[in-house]
Amino acid sequence: MPKLSIGEAEELLRLPASTIRHWERVLAVVSPDKDVFGRRRYGEAELRLLFRIRHLSQREGLGLKEAQERILAEISKPLTEERALLAELRGDFVGLWTASRDASRTLESVAPRKRGAEKD
């Protein structure tokens, strides 16, 4: 899977880039690679972490430090079959989103919309 820019991560996670950058500053577990120009590049592992942090903070109401502690505790436990399946599904979701986005861009480049086109 190709790494995503912060804009693509923002779109996928449905979070503002400022929130993602804030999480990176506050949480040691989130550390995306940067290209030669210093732009963030998010791989599958970083995206999985961001999805988990979003769930813990927004759905379970944990603060960021509590979310990080929970993630570190989860990582240190033996990998159960359920956790392994969930991690695989998260990875599949990211891959499907990327493929869908790429297919949509390809379709748009092949059949661009015309302004003022009559509706059928």
PDB file of N, CA and C in Angstrom:
ATOM      1  N   MET A   1       0.843  -1.180   0.000  1.00  0.00           N
ATOM      2  CA  MET A   1       0.000   0.000   0.000  1.00  0.00           C
ATOM      3  C   MET A   1       0.889   1.245   0.000  1.00  0.00           C
ATOM      4  N   PRO A   2       0.619   2.168  -0.900  1.00  0.00           N
ATOM      5  CA  PRO A   2       1.415   3.403  -0.897  1.00  0.00           C
ATOM      6  C   PRO A   2       1.086   4.244   0.337  1.00  0.00           C
ATOM      7  N   LYS A   3       2.055   5.016   0.769  1.00  0.00           N
ATOM      8  CA  LYS A   3       1.833   5.873   1.938  1.00  0.00           C
ATOM      9  C   LYS A   3       0.985   7.077   1.523  1.00  0.00           C
ATOM     10  N   LEU A   4       0.172   7.541   2.475  1.00  0.00           N
ATOM     11  CA  LEU A   4      -0.752   8.645   2.207  1.00  0.00           C
ATOM     12  C   LEU A   4      -0.201   9.959   2.733  1.00  0.00           C
ATOM     13  N   SER A   5      -0.565  11.027   2.065  1.00  0.00           N
ATOM     14  CA  SER A   5      -0.229  12.370   2.537  1.00  0.00           C
ATOM     15  C   SER A   5      -1.145  12.721   3.702  1.00  0.00           C
ATOM     16  N   ILE A   6      -0.869  13.834   4.362  1.00  0.00           N
ATOM     17  CA  ILE A   6      -1.741  14.237   5.476  1.00  0.00           C
ATOM     18  C   ILE A   6      -3.142  14.580   4.967  1.00  0.00           C
ATOM     19  N   GLY A   7      -3.231  15.137   3.770  1.00  0.00           N
ATOM     20  CA  GLY A   7      -4.547  15.434   3.200  1.00  0.00           C
ATOM     21  C   GLY A   7      -5.361  14.173   2.957  1.00  0.00           C
ATOM     22  N   GLU A   8      -4.689  13.135   2.464  1.00  0.00           N
ATOM     23  CA  GLU A   8      -5.373  11.866   2.233  1.00  0.00           C
ATOM     24  C   GLU A   8      -5.745  11.205   3.561  1.00  0.00           C
ATOM     25  N   ALA A   9      -4.865  11.293   4.544  1.00  0.00           N
ATOM     26  CA  ALA A   9      -5.171  10.747   5.872  1.00  0.00           C
ATOM     27  C   ALA A   9      -6.347  11.503   6.487  1.00  0.00           C
ATOM     28  N   GLU A  10      -6.359  12.807   6.301  1.00  0.00           N
ATOM     29  CA  GLU A  10      -7.449  13.650   6.797  1.00  0.00           C
ATOM     30  C   GLU A  10      -8.781  13.194   6.189  1.00  0.00           C
ATOM     31  N   GLU A  11      -8.773  12.949   4.895  1.00  0.00           N
ATOM     32  CA  GLU A  11      -9.990  12.504   4.203  1.00  0.00           C
ATOM     33  C   GLU A  11     -10.425  11.124   4.681  1.00  0.00           C
ATOM     34  N   LEU A  12      -9.480  10.212   4.806  1.00  0.00           N
ATOM     35  CA  LEU A  12      -9.790   8.853   5.232  1.00  0.00           C
ATOM     36  C   LEU A  12     -10.325   8.810   6.661  1.00  0.00           C
ATOM     37  N   LEU A  13      -9.666   9.525   7.564  1.00  0.00           N
ATOM     38  CA  LEU A  13     -10.043   9.496   8.974  1.00  0.00           C
ATOM     39  C   LEU A  13     -11.210  10.418   9.311  1.00  0.00           C
ATOM     40  N   ARG A  14     -11.515  11.317   8.379  1.00  0.00           N
ATOM     41  CA  ARG A  14     -12.557  12.333   8.616  1.00  0.00           C
ATOM     42  C   ARG A  14     -12.227  13.175   9.842  1.00  0.00           C
ATOM     43  N   LEU A  15     -10.961  13.576   9.882  1.00  0.00           N
ATOM     44  CA  LEU A  15     -10.459  14.438  10.949  1.00  0.00           C
ATOM     45  C   LEU A  15      -9.683  15.580  10.307  1.00  0.00           C
ATOM     46  N   PRO A  16      -9.717  16.762  10.908  1.00  0.00           N
ATOM     47  CA  PRO A  16      -8.900  17.847  10.369  1.00  0.00           C
ATOM     48  C   PRO A  16      -7.408  17.532  10.516  1.00  0.00           C
ATOM     49  N   ALA A  17      -6.625  18.016   9.577  1.00  0.00           N
ATOM     50  CA  ALA A  17      -5.178  17.804   9.620  1.00  0.00           C
ATOM     51  C   ALA A  17      -4.594  18.356  10.920  1.00  0.00           C
ATOM     52  N   SER A  18      -5.165  19.436  11.417  1.00  0.00           N
ATOM     53  CA  SER A  18      -4.650  20.016  12.667  1.00  0.00           C
ATOM     54  C   SER A  18      -4.797  19.043  13.831  1.00  0.00           C
ATOM     55  N   THR A  19      -5.870  18.264  13.850  1.00  0.00           N
ATOM     56  CA  THR A  19      -6.066  17.261  14.901  1.00  0.00           C
ATOM     57  C   THR A  19      -5.026  16.152  14.780  1.00  0.00           C
ATOM     58  N   ILE A  20      -4.788  15.707  13.569  1.00  0.00           N
ATOM     59  CA  ILE A  20      -3.803  14.645  13.350  1.00  0.00           C
ATOM     60  C   ILE A  20      -2.419  15.130  13.773  1.00  0.00           C
ATOM     61  N   ARG A  21      -2.063  16.346  13.381  1.00  0.00           N
ATOM     62  CA  ARG A  21      -0.754  16.897  13.760  1.00  0.00           C
ATOM     63  C   ARG A  21      -0.650  17.061  15.281  1.00  0.00           C
ATOM     64  N   HIS A  22      -1.740  17.478  15.925  1.00  0.00           N
ATOM     65  CA  HIS A  22      -1.749  17.615  17.386  1.00  0.00           C
ATOM     66  C   HIS A  22      -1.501  16.260  18.047  1.00  0.00           C
ATOM     67  N   TRP A  23      -2.178  15.222  17.556  1.00  0.00           N
ATOM     68  CA  TRP A  23      -1.985  13.894  18.116  1.00  0.00           C
ATOM     69  C   TRP A  23      -0.527  13.468  17.978  1.00  0.00           C
ATOM     70  N   GLU A  24       0.092  13.805  16.861  1.00  0.00           N
ATOM     71  CA  GLU A  24       1.506  13.459  16.664  1.00  0.00           C
ATOM     72  C   GLU A  24       2.398  14.152  17.688  1.00  0.00           C
ATOM     73  N   ARG A  25       2.087  15.408  18.001  1.00  0.00           N
ATOM     74  CA  ARG A  25       2.896  16.152  18.976  1.00  0.00           C
ATOM     75  C   ARG A  25       2.726  15.597  20.379  1.00  0.00           C
ATOM     76  N   VAL A  26       1.511  15.192  20.729  1.00  0.00           N
ATOM     77  CA  VAL A  26       1.191  14.771  22.095  1.00  0.00           C
ATOM     78  C   VAL A  26       1.510  13.295  22.341  1.00  0.00           C
ATOM     79  N   LEU A  27       1.328  12.472  21.337  1.00  0.00           N
ATOM     80  CA  LEU A  27       1.439  11.022  21.518  1.00  0.00           C
ATOM     81  C   LEU A  27       2.702  10.464  20.873  1.00  0.00           C
ATOM     82  N   ALA A  28       3.481   9.769  21.670  1.00  0.00           N
ATOM     83  CA  ALA A  28       4.728   9.184  21.168  1.00  0.00           C
ATOM     84  C   ALA A  28       4.478   8.023  20.208  1.00  0.00           C
ATOM     85  N   VAL A  29       3.300   7.394  20.285  1.00  0.00           N
ATOM     86  CA  VAL A  29       3.040   6.225  19.442  1.00  0.00           C
ATOM     87  C   VAL A  29       2.777   6.594  17.987  1.00  0.00           C
ATOM     88  N   VAL A  30       2.457   7.857  17.708  1.00  0.00           N
ATOM     89  CA  VAL A  30       2.174   8.287  16.333  1.00  0.00           C
ATOM     90  C   VAL A  30       3.380   9.037  15.796  1.00  0.00           C
ATOM     91  N   SER A  31       4.019   8.436  14.799  1.00  0.00           N
ATOM     92  CA  SER A  31       5.219   9.045  14.241  1.00  0.00           C
ATOM     93  C   SER A  31       5.342   8.670  12.769  1.00  0.00           C
ATOM     94  N   PRO A  32       4.648   9.403  11.887  1.00  0.00           N
ATOM     95  CA  PRO A  32       4.718   9.060  10.461  1.00  0.00           C
ATOM     96  C   PRO A  32       6.094   9.387   9.881  1.00  0.00           C
ATOM     97  N   ASP A  33       6.412   8.711   8.796  1.00  0.00           N
ATOM     98  CA  ASP A  33       7.632   9.033   8.067  1.00  0.00           C
ATOM     99  C   ASP A  33       7.469  10.395   7.424  1.00  0.00           C
ATOM    100  N   LYS A  34       8.578  11.015   7.082  1.00  0.00           N
ATOM    101  CA  LYS A  34       8.540  12.282   6.343  1.00  0.00           C
ATOM    102  C   LYS A  34       9.414  12.125   5.108  1.00  0.00           C
ATOM    103  N   ASP A  35       8.964  12.735   4.010  1.00  0.00           N
ATOM    104  CA  ASP A  35       9.752  12.663   2.783  1.00  0.00           C
ATOM    105  C   ASP A  35      10.880  13.689   2.831  1.00  0.00           C
ATOM    106  N   VAL A  36      11.633  13.804   1.766  1.00  0.00           N
ATOM    107  CA  VAL A  36      12.798  14.697   1.755  1.00  0.00           C
ATOM    108  C   VAL A  36      12.407  16.160   1.931  1.00  0.00           C
ATOM    109  N   PHE A  37      11.155  16.485   1.687  1.00  0.00           N
ATOM    110  CA  PHE A  37      10.675  17.852   1.846  1.00  0.00           C
ATOM    111  C   PHE A  37      10.019  18.082   3.203  1.00  0.00           C
ATOM    112  N   GLY A  38      10.004  17.041   4.059  1.00  0.00           N
ATOM    113  CA  GLY A  38       9.418  17.162   5.387  1.00  0.00           C
ATOM    114  C   GLY A  38       7.918  16.925   5.441  1.00  0.00           C
ATOM    115  N   ARG A  39       7.331  16.472   4.348  1.00  0.00           N
ATOM    116  CA  ARG A  39       5.892  16.189   4.324  1.00  0.00           C
ATOM    117  C   ARG A  39       5.622  14.823   4.938  1.00  0.00           C
ATOM    118  N   ARG A  40       4.583  14.758   5.737  1.00  0.00           N
ATOM    119  CA  ARG A  40       4.219  13.514   6.406  1.00  0.00           C
ATOM    120  C   ARG A  40       3.734  12.485   5.394  1.00  0.00           C
ATOM    121  N   ARG A  41       4.101  11.216   5.639  1.00  0.00           N
ATOM    122  CA  ARG A  41       3.663  10.095   4.819  1.00  0.00           C
ATOM    123  C   ARG A  41       3.180   9.004   5.769  1.00  0.00           C
ATOM    124  N   TYR A  42       1.895   8.670   5.697  1.00  0.00           N
ATOM    125  CA  TYR A  42       1.274   7.726   6.624  1.00  0.00           C
ATOM    126  C   TYR A  42       1.154   6.351   5.984  1.00  0.00           C
ATOM    127  N   GLY A  43       1.771   5.377   6.622  1.00  0.00           N
ATOM    128  CA  GLY A  43       1.656   3.988   6.189  1.00  0.00           C
ATOM    129  C   GLY A  43       0.496   3.313   6.904  1.00  0.00           C
ATOM    130  N   GLU A  44       0.341   2.048   6.605  1.00  0.00           N
ATOM    131  CA  GLU A  44      -0.766   1.289   7.178  1.00  0.00           C
ATOM    132  C   GLU A  44      -0.713   1.258   8.703  1.00  0.00           C
ATOM    133  N   ALA A  45       0.471   1.099   9.277  1.00  0.00           N
ATOM    134  CA  ALA A  45       0.598   1.020  10.741  1.00  0.00           C
ATOM    135  C   ALA A  45       0.170   2.331  11.393  1.00  0.00           C
ATOM    136  N   GLU A  46       0.587   3.467  10.837  1.00  0.00           N
ATOM    137  CA  GLU A  46       0.204   4.759  11.413  1.00  0.00           C
ATOM    138  C   GLU A  46      -1.300   4.982  11.294  1.00  0.00           C
ATOM    139  N   LEU A  47      -1.864   4.580  10.155  1.00  0.00           N
ATOM    140  CA  LEU A  47      -3.306   4.763   9.966  1.00  0.00           C
ATOM    141  C   LEU A  47      -4.101   3.897  10.937  1.00  0.00           C
ATOM    142  N   ARG A  48      -3.636   2.681  11.174  1.00  0.00           N
ATOM    143  CA  ARG A  48      -4.310   1.817  12.158  1.00  0.00           C
ATOM    144  C   ARG A  48      -4.287   2.461  13.539  1.00  0.00           C
ATOM    145  N   LEU A  49      -3.139   3.012  13.913  1.00  0.00           N
ATOM    146  CA  LEU A  49      -3.033   3.701  15.206  1.00  0.00           C
ATOM    147  C   LEU A  49      -3.976   4.899  15.273  1.00  0.00           C
ATOM    148  N   LEU A  50      -4.014   5.670  14.211  1.00  0.00           N
ATOM    149  CA  LEU A  50      -4.889   6.853  14.205  1.00  0.00           C
ATOM    150  C   LEU A  50      -6.364   6.462  14.298  1.00  0.00           C
ATOM    151  N   PHE A  51      -6.749   5.393  13.613  1.00  0.00           N
ATOM    152  CA  PHE A  51      -8.132   4.911  13.736  1.00  0.00           C
ATOM    153  C   PHE A  51      -8.422   4.503  15.179  1.00  0.00           C
ATOM    154  N   ARG A  52      -7.482   3.821  15.806  1.00  0.00           N
ATOM    155  CA  ARG A  52      -7.680   3.372  17.193  1.00  0.00           C
ATOM    156  C   ARG A  52      -7.759   4.555  18.146  1.00  0.00           C
ATOM    157  N   ILE A  53      -6.881   5.539  17.956  1.00  0.00           N
ATOM    158  CA  ILE A  53      -6.909   6.735  18.810  1.00  0.00           C
ATOM    159  C   ILE A  53      -8.232   7.474  18.629  1.00  0.00           C
ATOM    160  N   ARG A  54      -8.665   7.601  17.381  1.00  0.00           N
ATOM    161  CA  ARG A  54      -9.951   8.273  17.130  1.00  0.00           C
ATOM    162  C   ARG A  54     -11.079   7.557  17.860  1.00  0.00           C
ATOM    163  N   HIS A  55     -11.086   6.241  17.792  1.00  0.00           N
ATOM    164  CA  HIS A  55     -12.133   5.475  18.478  1.00  0.00           C
ATOM    165  C   HIS A  55     -12.073   5.689  19.989  1.00  0.00           C
ATOM    166  N   LEU A  56     -10.875   5.564  20.551  1.00  0.00           N
ATOM    167  CA  LEU A  56     -10.742   5.687  22.001  1.00  0.00           C
ATOM    168  C   LEU A  56     -11.082   7.089  22.494  1.00  0.00           C
ATOM    169  N   SER A  57     -10.690   8.103  21.742  1.00  0.00           N
ATOM    170  CA  SER A  57     -10.942   9.472  22.204  1.00  0.00           C
ATOM    171  C   SER A  57     -12.363   9.929  21.916  1.00  0.00           C
ATOM    172  N   GLN A  58     -12.881   9.619  20.741  1.00  0.00           N
ATOM    173  CA  GLN A  58     -14.206  10.136  20.380  1.00  0.00           C
ATOM    174  C   GLN A  58     -15.346   9.233  20.812  1.00  0.00           C
ATOM    175  N   ARG A  59     -15.165   7.938  20.738  1.00  0.00           N
ATOM    176  CA  ARG A  59     -16.262   7.026  21.064  1.00  0.00           C
ATOM    177  C   ARG A  59     -16.254   6.598  22.527  1.00  0.00           C
ATOM    178  N   GLU A  60     -15.054   6.414  23.075  1.00  0.00           N
ATOM    179  CA  GLU A  60     -14.970   5.958  24.465  1.00  0.00           C
ATOM    180  C   GLU A  60     -14.684   7.098  25.428  1.00  0.00           C
ATOM    181  N   GLY A  61     -14.444   8.295  24.902  1.00  0.00           N
ATOM    182  CA  GLY A  61     -14.264   9.467  25.744  1.00  0.00           C
ATOM    183  C   GLY A  61     -12.959   9.539  26.512  1.00  0.00           C
ATOM    184  N   LEU A  62     -11.945   8.815  26.083  1.00  0.00           N
ATOM    185  CA  LEU A  62     -10.665   8.859  26.778  1.00  0.00           C
ATOM    186  C   LEU A  62      -9.868  10.088  26.346  1.00  0.00           C
ATOM    187  N   GLY A  63      -9.070  10.608  27.250  1.00  0.00           N
ATOM    188  CA  GLY A  63      -8.129  11.651  26.894  1.00  0.00           C
ATOM    189  C   GLY A  63      -7.001  11.043  26.079  1.00  0.00           C
ATOM    190  N   LEU A  64      -6.195  11.880  25.455  1.00  0.00           N
ATOM    191  CA  LEU A  64      -5.142  11.365  24.589  1.00  0.00           C
ATOM    192  C   LEU A  64      -4.120  10.529  25.340  1.00  0.00           C
ATOM    193  N   LYS A  65      -3.721  10.958  26.518  1.00  0.00           N
ATOM    194  CA  LYS A  65      -2.748  10.188  27.302  1.00  0.00           C
ATOM    195  C   LYS A  65      -3.330   8.835  27.714  1.00  0.00           C
ATOM    196  N   GLU A  66      -4.628   8.836  28.091  1.00  0.00           N
ATOM    197  CA  GLU A  66      -5.284   7.571  28.444  1.00  0.00           C
ATOM    198  C   GLU A  66      -5.369   6.653  27.226  1.00  0.00           C
ATOM    199  N   ALA A  67      -5.669   7.239  26.080  1.00  0.00           N
ATOM    200  CA  ALA A  67      -5.747   6.449  24.846  1.00  0.00           C
ATOM    201  C   ALA A  67      -4.390   5.830  24.534  1.00  0.00           C
ATOM    202  N   GLN A  68      -3.328   6.608  24.692  1.00  0.00           N
ATOM    203  CA  GLN A  68      -1.988   6.091  24.444  1.00  0.00           C
ATOM    204  C   GLN A  68      -1.652   4.955  25.409  1.00  0.00           C
ATOM    205  N   GLU A  69      -1.999   5.124  26.682  1.00  0.00           N
ATOM    206  CA  GLU A  69      -1.746   4.072  27.668  1.00  0.00           C
ATOM    207  C   GLU A  69      -2.499   2.798  27.305  1.00  0.00           C
ATOM    208  N   ARG A  70      -3.743   2.947  26.855  1.00  0.00           N
ATOM    209  CA  ARG A  70      -4.544   1.779  26.459  1.00  0.00           C
ATOM    210  C   ARG A  70      -3.901   1.084  25.265  1.00  0.00           C
ATOM    211  N   ILE A  71      -3.451   1.869  24.287  1.00  0.00           N
ATOM    212  CA  ILE A  71      -2.822   1.285  23.103  1.00  0.00           C
ATOM    213  C   ILE A  71      -1.539   0.553  23.479  1.00  0.00           C
ATOM    214  N   LEU A  72      -0.724   1.171  24.322  1.00  0.00           N
ATOM    215  CA  LEU A  72       0.514   0.517  24.749  1.00  0.00           C
ATOM    216  C   LEU A  72       0.223  -0.778  25.501  1.00  0.00           C
ATOM    217  N   ALA A  73      -0.822  -0.778  26.328  1.00  0.00           N
ATOM    218  CA  ALA A  73      -1.210  -1.997  27.044  1.00  0.00           C
ATOM    219  C   ALA A  73      -1.681  -3.068  26.062  1.00  0.00           C
ATOM    220  N   GLU A  74      -2.443  -2.657  25.056  1.00  0.00           N
ATOM    221  CA  GLU A  74      -2.924  -3.609  24.054  1.00  0.00           C
ATOM    222  C   GLU A  74      -1.766  -4.194  23.251  1.00  0.00           C
ATOM    223  N   ILE A  75      -0.805  -3.362  22.915  1.00  0.00           N
ATOM    224  CA  ILE A  75       0.333  -3.819  22.120  1.00  0.00           C
ATOM    225  C   ILE A  75       1.184  -4.815  22.907  1.00  0.00           C
ATOM    226  N   SER A  76       1.274  -4.613  24.215  1.00  0.00           N
ATOM    227  CA  SER A  76       2.135  -5.478  25.026  1.00  0.00           C
ATOM    228  C   SER A  76       1.497  -6.827  25.329  1.00  0.00           C
ATOM    229  N   LYS A  77       0.189  -6.951  25.139  1.00  0.00           N
ATOM    230  CA  LYS A  77      -0.481  -8.225  25.386  1.00  0.00           C
ATOM    231  C   LYS A  77      -0.245  -9.175  24.211  1.00  0.00           C
ATOM    232  N   PRO A  78      -0.354 -10.474  24.480  1.00  0.00           N
ATOM    233  CA  PRO A  78      -0.248 -11.430  23.369  1.00  0.00           C
ATOM    234  C   PRO A  78      -1.352 -11.162  22.341  1.00  0.00           C
ATOM    235  N   LEU A  79      -1.023 -11.358  21.096  1.00  0.00           N
ATOM    236  CA  LEU A  79      -1.975 -11.101  20.015  1.00  0.00           C
ATOM    237  C   LEU A  79      -3.017 -12.211  19.984  1.00  0.00           C
ATOM    238  N   THR A  80      -4.253 -11.865  20.321  1.00  0.00           N
ATOM    239  CA  THR A  80      -5.333 -12.842  20.273  1.00  0.00           C
ATOM    240  C   THR A  80      -5.834 -12.942  18.838  1.00  0.00           C
ATOM    241  N   GLU A  81      -6.574 -13.987  18.591  1.00  0.00           N
ATOM    242  CA  GLU A  81      -7.132 -14.187  17.251  1.00  0.00           C
ATOM    243  C   GLU A  81      -8.045 -13.024  16.870  1.00  0.00           C
ATOM    244  N   GLU A  82      -8.835 -12.542  17.824  1.00  0.00           N
ATOM    245  CA  GLU A  82      -9.751 -11.434  17.546  1.00  0.00           C
ATOM    246  C   GLU A  82      -8.993 -10.152  17.213  1.00  0.00           C
ATOM    247  N   ARG A  83      -7.945  -9.861  17.980  1.00  0.00           N
ATOM    248  CA  ARG A  83      -7.145  -8.656  17.719  1.00  0.00           C
ATOM    249  C   ARG A  83      -6.441  -8.757  16.377  1.00  0.00           C
ATOM    250  N   ALA A  84      -5.954  -9.938  16.050  1.00  0.00           N
ATOM    251  CA  ALA A  84      -5.283 -10.139  14.769  1.00  0.00           C
ATOM    252  C   ALA A  84      -6.263  -9.917  13.624  1.00  0.00           C
ATOM    253  N   LEU A  85      -7.476 -10.437  13.768  1.00  0.00           N
ATOM    254  CA  LEU A  85      -8.493 -10.260  12.740  1.00  0.00           C
ATOM    255  C   LEU A  85      -8.871  -8.790  12.603  1.00  0.00           C
ATOM    256  N   LEU A  86      -9.034  -8.111  13.713  1.00  0.00           N
ATOM    257  CA  LEU A  86      -9.372  -6.694  13.682  1.00  0.00           C
ATOM    258  C   LEU A  86      -8.266  -5.881  13.003  1.00  0.00           C
ATOM    259  N   ALA A  87      -7.023  -6.168  13.322  1.00  0.00           N
ATOM    260  CA  ALA A  87      -5.899  -5.472  12.683  1.00  0.00           C
ATOM    261  C   ALA A  87      -5.901  -5.734  11.181  1.00  0.00           C
ATOM    262  N   GLU A  88      -6.185  -6.961  10.784  1.00  0.00           N
ATOM    263  CA  GLU A  88      -6.235  -7.297   9.370  1.00  0.00           C
ATOM    264  C   GLU A  88      -7.374  -6.548   8.673  1.00  0.00           C
ATOM    265  N   LEU A  89      -8.525  -6.481   9.336  1.00  0.00           N
ATOM    266  CA  LEU A  89      -9.663  -5.767   8.751  1.00  0.00           C
ATOM    267  C   LEU A  89      -9.384  -4.275   8.597  1.00  0.00           C
ATOM    268  N   ARG A  90      -8.725  -3.686   9.590  1.00  0.00           N
ATOM    269  CA  ARG A  90      -8.357  -2.272   9.476  1.00  0.00           C
ATOM    270  C   ARG A  90      -7.437  -2.051   8.281  1.00  0.00           C
ATOM    271  N   GLY A  91      -6.482  -2.947   8.114  1.00  0.00           N
ATOM    272  CA  GLY A  91      -5.577  -2.846   6.972  1.00  0.00           C
ATOM    273  C   GLY A  91      -6.324  -3.007   5.657  1.00  0.00           C
ATOM    274  N   ASP A  92      -7.246  -3.963   5.609  1.00  0.00           N
ATOM    275  CA  ASP A  92      -8.055  -4.159   4.401  1.00  0.00           C
ATOM    276  C   ASP A  92      -8.888  -2.919   4.094  1.00  0.00           C
ATOM    277  N   PHE A  93      -9.443  -2.316   5.131  1.00  0.00           N
ATOM    278  CA  PHE A  93     -10.252  -1.112   4.940  1.00  0.00           C
ATOM    279  C   PHE A  93      -9.425   0.010   4.308  1.00  0.00           C
ATOM    280  N   VAL A  94      -8.238   0.219   4.831  1.00  0.00           N
ATOM    281  CA  VAL A  94      -7.364   1.263   4.290  1.00  0.00           C
ATOM    282  C   VAL A  94      -7.029   0.957   2.834  1.00  0.00           C
ATOM    283  N   GLY A  95      -6.719  -0.299   2.536  1.00  0.00           N
ATOM    284  CA  GLY A  95      -6.409  -0.693   1.161  1.00  0.00           C
ATOM    285  C   GLY A  95      -7.590  -0.499   0.227  1.00  0.00           C
ATOM    286  N   LEU A  96      -8.782  -0.864   0.681  1.00  0.00           N
ATOM    287  CA  LEU A  96      -9.986  -0.675  -0.142  1.00  0.00           C
ATOM    288  C   LEU A  96     -10.291   0.792  -0.374  1.00  0.00           C
ATOM    289  N   TRP A  97     -10.098   1.606   0.663  1.00  0.00           N
ATOM    290  CA  TRP A  97     -10.329   3.044   0.509  1.00  0.00           C
ATOM    291  C   TRP A  97      -9.373   3.616  -0.535  1.00  0.00           C
ATOM    292  N   THR A  98      -8.113   3.228  -0.471  1.00  0.00           N
ATOM    293  CA  THR A  98      -7.117   3.713  -1.419  1.00  0.00           C
ATOM    294  C   THR A  98      -7.455   3.270  -2.839  1.00  0.00           C
ATOM    295  N   ALA A  99      -7.825   2.011  -3.006  1.00  0.00           N
ATOM    296  CA  ALA A  99      -8.183   1.500  -4.328  1.00  0.00           C
ATOM    297  C   ALA A  99      -9.415   2.214  -4.875  1.00  0.00           C
ATOM    298  N   SER A 100     -10.403   2.453  -4.012  1.00  0.00           N
ATOM    299  CA  SER A 100     -11.615   3.154  -4.420  1.00  0.00           C
ATOM    300  C   SER A 100     -11.312   4.580  -4.854  1.00  0.00           C
ATOM    301  N   ARG A 101     -10.479   5.266  -4.078  1.00  0.00           N
ATOM    302  CA  ARG A 101     -10.094   6.633  -4.423  1.00  0.00           C
ATOM    303  C   ARG A 101      -9.355   6.673  -5.754  1.00  0.00           C
ATOM    304  N   ASP A 102      -8.429   5.741  -5.955  1.00  0.00           N
ATOM    305  CA  ASP A 102      -7.664   5.688  -7.195  1.00  0.00           C
ATOM    306  C   ASP A 102      -8.558   5.385  -8.394  1.00  0.00           C
ATOM    307  N   ALA A 103      -9.504   4.463  -8.215  1.00  0.00           N
ATOM    308  CA  ALA A 103     -10.433   4.131  -9.293  1.00  0.00           C
ATOM    309  C   ALA A 103     -11.302   5.328  -9.644  1.00  0.00           C
ATOM    310  N   SER A 104     -11.737   6.049  -8.628  1.00  0.00           N
ATOM    311  CA  SER A 104     -12.564   7.240  -8.859  1.00  0.00           C
ATOM    312  C   SER A 104     -11.786   8.293  -9.642  1.00  0.00           C
ATOM    313  N   ARG A 105     -10.528   8.495  -9.283  1.00  0.00           N
ATOM    314  CA  ARG A 105      -9.697   9.463 -10.003  1.00  0.00           C
ATOM    315  C   ARG A 105      -9.488   9.039 -11.450  1.00  0.00           C
ATOM    316  N   THR A 106      -9.293   7.741 -11.664  1.00  0.00           N
ATOM    317  CA  THR A 106      -9.120   7.241 -13.025  1.00  0.00           C
ATOM    318  C   THR A 106     -10.376   7.481 -13.846  1.00  0.00           C
ATOM    319  N   LEU A 107     -11.535   7.167 -13.277  1.00  0.00           N
ATOM    320  CA  LEU A 107     -12.797   7.383 -13.981  1.00  0.00           C
ATOM    321  C   LEU A 107     -13.020   8.856 -14.305  1.00  0.00           C
ATOM    322  N   GLU A 108     -12.680   9.720 -13.381  1.00  0.00           N
ATOM    323  CA  GLU A 108     -12.843  11.150 -13.614  1.00  0.00           C
ATOM    324  C   GLU A 108     -11.920  11.644 -14.728  1.00  0.00           C
ATOM    325  N   SER A 109     -10.736  11.072 -14.827  1.00  0.00           N
ATOM    326  CA  SER A 109      -9.816  11.507 -15.874  1.00  0.00           C
ATOM    327  C   SER A 109     -10.240  10.976 -17.245  1.00  0.00           C
ATOM    328  N   VAL A 110     -10.907   9.821 -17.280  1.00  0.00           N
ATOM    329  CA  VAL A 110     -11.348   9.240 -18.540  1.00  0.00           C
ATOM    330  C   VAL A 110     -12.630   9.909 -19.030  1.00  0.00           C
ATOM    331  N   ALA A 111     -13.527  10.196 -18.131  1.00  0.00           N
ATOM    332  CA  ALA A 111     -14.823  10.784 -18.492  1.00  0.00           C
ATOM    333  C   ALA A 111     -15.071  12.013 -17.630  1.00  0.00           C
ATOM    334  N   PRO A 112     -14.366  13.133 -17.922  1.00  0.00           N
ATOM    335  CA  PRO A 112     -14.578  14.332 -17.115  1.00  0.00           C
ATOM    336  C   PRO A 112     -15.991  14.869 -17.283  1.00  0.00           C
ATOM    337  N   ARG A 113     -16.482  15.441 -16.213  1.00  0.00           N
ATOM    338  CA  ARG A 113     -17.835  16.032 -16.252  1.00  0.00           C
ATOM    339  C   ARG A 113     -17.797  17.320 -17.065  1.00  0.00           C
ATOM    340  N   LYS A 114     -18.833  17.523 -17.833  1.00  0.00           N
ATOM    341  CA  LYS A 114     -18.921  18.739 -18.634  1.00  0.00           C
ATOM    342  C   LYS A 114     -19.831  19.740 -17.928  1.00  0.00           C
ATOM    343  N   ARG A 115     -19.407  20.986 -17.908  1.00  0.00           N
ATOM    344  CA  ARG A 115     -20.251  22.017 -17.315  1.00  0.00           C
ATOM    345  C   ARG A 115     -21.468  22.252 -18.193  1.00  0.00           C
ATOM    346  N   GLY A 116     -22.591  22.413 -17.534  1.00  0.00           N
ATOM    347  CA  GLY A 116     -23.819  22.741 -18.259  1.00  0.00           C
ATOM    348  C   GLY A 116     -24.371  21.581 -19.065  1.00  0.00           C
ATOM    349  N   ALA A 117     -23.875  20.387 -18.827  1.00  0.00           N
ATOM    350  CA  ALA A 117     -24.373  19.227 -19.575  1.00  0.00           C
ATOM    351  C   ALA A 117     -25.821  18.983 -19.184  1.00  0.00           C
ATOM    352  N   GLU A 118     -26.608  18.609 -20.182  1.00  0.00           N
ATOM    353  CA  GLU A 118     -28.019  18.360 -19.921  1.00  0.00           C
ATOM    354  C   GLU A 118     -28.190  17.070 -19.143  1.00  0.00           C
ATOM    355  N   LYS A 119     -29.161  17.078 -18.256  1.00  0.00           N
ATOM    356  CA  LYS A 119     -29.449  15.885 -17.466  1.00  0.00           C
ATOM    357  C   LYS A 119     -30.345  14.965 -18.286  1.00  0.00           C
ATOM    358  N   ASP A 120     -30.105  13.667 -18.111  1.00  0.00           N
ATOM    359  CA  ASP A 120     -30.927  12.667 -18.836  1.00  0.00           C
ATOM    360  C   ASP A 120     -32.255  12.518 -18.193  1.00  0.00           C
TER     361      ASP A 120
END
